Protein backbone atom coordinates (compact mmCIF):
# COMPACT_ATOMS: atom_id res chain seq x y z
CA MET A 1 103.75 75.23 122.65
CA ASP A 2 105.66 72.30 121.31
CA GLU A 3 108.23 72.51 118.53
CA LYS A 4 105.95 71.07 115.83
CA ASN A 5 103.28 73.73 116.41
CA ALA A 6 105.91 76.46 116.59
CA SER A 7 107.27 75.47 113.20
CA ILE A 8 103.76 75.49 111.72
CA LEU A 9 103.20 78.99 113.11
CA GLU A 10 106.54 80.21 111.80
CA ARG A 11 105.85 78.74 108.37
CA SER A 12 102.47 80.46 108.33
CA LEU A 13 104.00 83.80 109.28
CA ASP A 14 106.70 83.43 106.64
CA ASN A 15 104.16 82.74 103.89
CA PRO A 16 104.22 85.68 101.44
CA VAL A 17 100.61 84.99 100.42
CA LEU A 18 99.45 85.72 103.97
CA ALA A 19 101.29 89.04 104.04
CA ALA A 20 99.96 90.02 100.61
CA THR A 21 96.42 89.05 101.59
CA LEU A 22 96.60 91.09 104.79
CA SER A 23 97.92 94.01 102.78
CA VAL A 24 94.99 93.83 100.35
CA VAL A 25 92.49 93.50 103.21
CA ALA A 26 94.05 96.55 104.91
CA GLY A 27 93.75 98.50 101.66
CA LEU A 28 90.08 97.55 101.33
CA PHE A 29 89.42 98.56 104.94
CA PHE A 30 91.13 101.89 104.24
CA LEU A 31 88.82 102.38 101.26
CA VAL A 32 85.84 101.79 103.55
CA LEU A 33 87.38 104.20 106.07
CA CYS A 34 87.61 106.88 103.39
CA MET A 35 83.97 106.30 102.47
CA LEU A 36 83.04 106.76 106.13
CA LEU A 37 84.83 110.11 106.45
CA PRO A 38 81.59 112.11 106.08
CA LEU A 39 80.36 110.48 109.31
CA VAL A 40 82.88 112.44 111.33
CA GLY A 41 82.98 115.60 109.23
CA ARG A 42 80.98 118.77 109.72
CA ALA A 43 77.68 117.21 108.61
CA GLY A 44 78.19 114.07 110.68
CA ALA A 45 79.03 116.05 113.81
CA ALA A 46 75.82 118.10 113.56
CA VAL A 47 73.40 115.18 113.86
CA PRO A 48 72.02 113.85 117.16
CA TYR A 49 73.67 110.44 116.62
CA SER A 50 77.17 111.85 116.08
CA ALA A 51 78.57 109.77 118.96
CA GLU A 52 77.58 106.57 117.14
CA ASN A 53 79.15 107.93 113.95
CA HIS A 54 82.35 108.64 115.85
CA ARG A 55 82.45 105.15 117.38
CA THR A 56 81.80 103.49 114.02
CA PHE A 57 84.55 105.46 112.31
CA LEU A 58 86.98 104.77 115.15
CA ALA A 59 86.21 101.03 115.08
CA VAL A 60 86.87 100.79 111.35
CA ALA A 61 90.03 102.89 111.75
CA VAL A 62 91.38 100.62 114.49
CA VAL A 63 90.66 97.47 112.46
CA THR A 64 92.37 99.08 109.45
CA LEU A 65 95.36 99.97 111.58
CA ALA A 66 95.56 96.45 112.96
CA PHE A 67 95.49 94.83 109.51
CA SER A 68 97.98 97.29 108.01
CA LEU A 69 100.34 97.02 110.97
CA LEU A 70 100.27 93.22 110.89
CA ALA A 71 100.82 93.20 107.12
CA SER A 72 103.74 95.63 107.51
CA LEU A 73 105.35 93.54 110.22
CA LEU A 74 105.00 90.33 108.22
CA LYS A 75 106.43 91.97 105.11
CA LEU A 76 109.34 93.42 107.10
CA ARG A 77 109.95 89.94 108.49
CA GLN A 78 110.05 88.57 104.95
CA ARG A 79 112.45 91.32 103.98
CA LYS A 80 114.75 90.28 106.81
CA LEU A 81 114.52 86.57 105.97
CA ASN A 82 114.76 86.53 102.20
CA GLY A 83 115.54 90.06 101.01
CA ALA A 84 112.05 91.01 99.85
CA PRO A 85 111.59 94.65 98.82
CA LEU A 86 110.66 97.33 101.34
CA PRO A 87 106.87 97.27 101.87
CA VAL A 88 106.31 100.92 100.99
CA PHE A 89 102.56 100.55 100.41
CA THR A 90 101.79 98.82 103.69
CA LEU A 91 104.05 101.13 105.69
CA ALA A 92 102.43 104.20 104.10
CA LEU A 93 98.99 102.74 104.75
CA THR A 94 99.89 102.16 108.40
CA LEU A 95 101.17 105.71 108.83
CA LEU A 96 98.19 107.21 107.02
CA THR A 97 95.72 105.25 109.14
CA ALA A 98 97.55 106.25 112.34
CA ALA A 99 97.45 109.89 111.18
CA THR A 100 93.71 109.56 110.52
CA ILE A 101 93.12 108.24 114.04
CA LEU A 102 95.22 111.06 115.47
CA ALA A 103 93.25 113.61 113.43
CA LEU A 104 90.02 112.10 114.71
CA TRP A 105 91.13 112.29 118.34
CA THR A 106 92.36 115.88 118.02
CA GLY A 107 89.16 117.01 116.32
CA VAL A 108 90.79 118.02 113.04
CA LEU A 109 88.27 115.99 111.02
CA ARG A 110 85.30 117.97 112.35
CA LEU A 111 86.47 121.25 110.81
């Protein structure tokens, strides 16, 4: 990658609007994830298509984790560069999504 393209990429990553947008998108995906929780609960595990429910929930959880992790990293980068505040919301969202995936894999959500 040449220097001109690298500077365009760096400027894009340093754009606070991109980090804020990713944070909002991650929050919306988490809202969808919460709405999908019944798919992997007791009622969702008792249906014949529970494997599809599990895969759907896991896919949305992984996408949510990806968006929230990327938003957290970009906001931490901005904090390092220009002293922006600690991204408490995006870090909490990342940890909560990771905990949800862990609960799914350990079977805690099936109760």
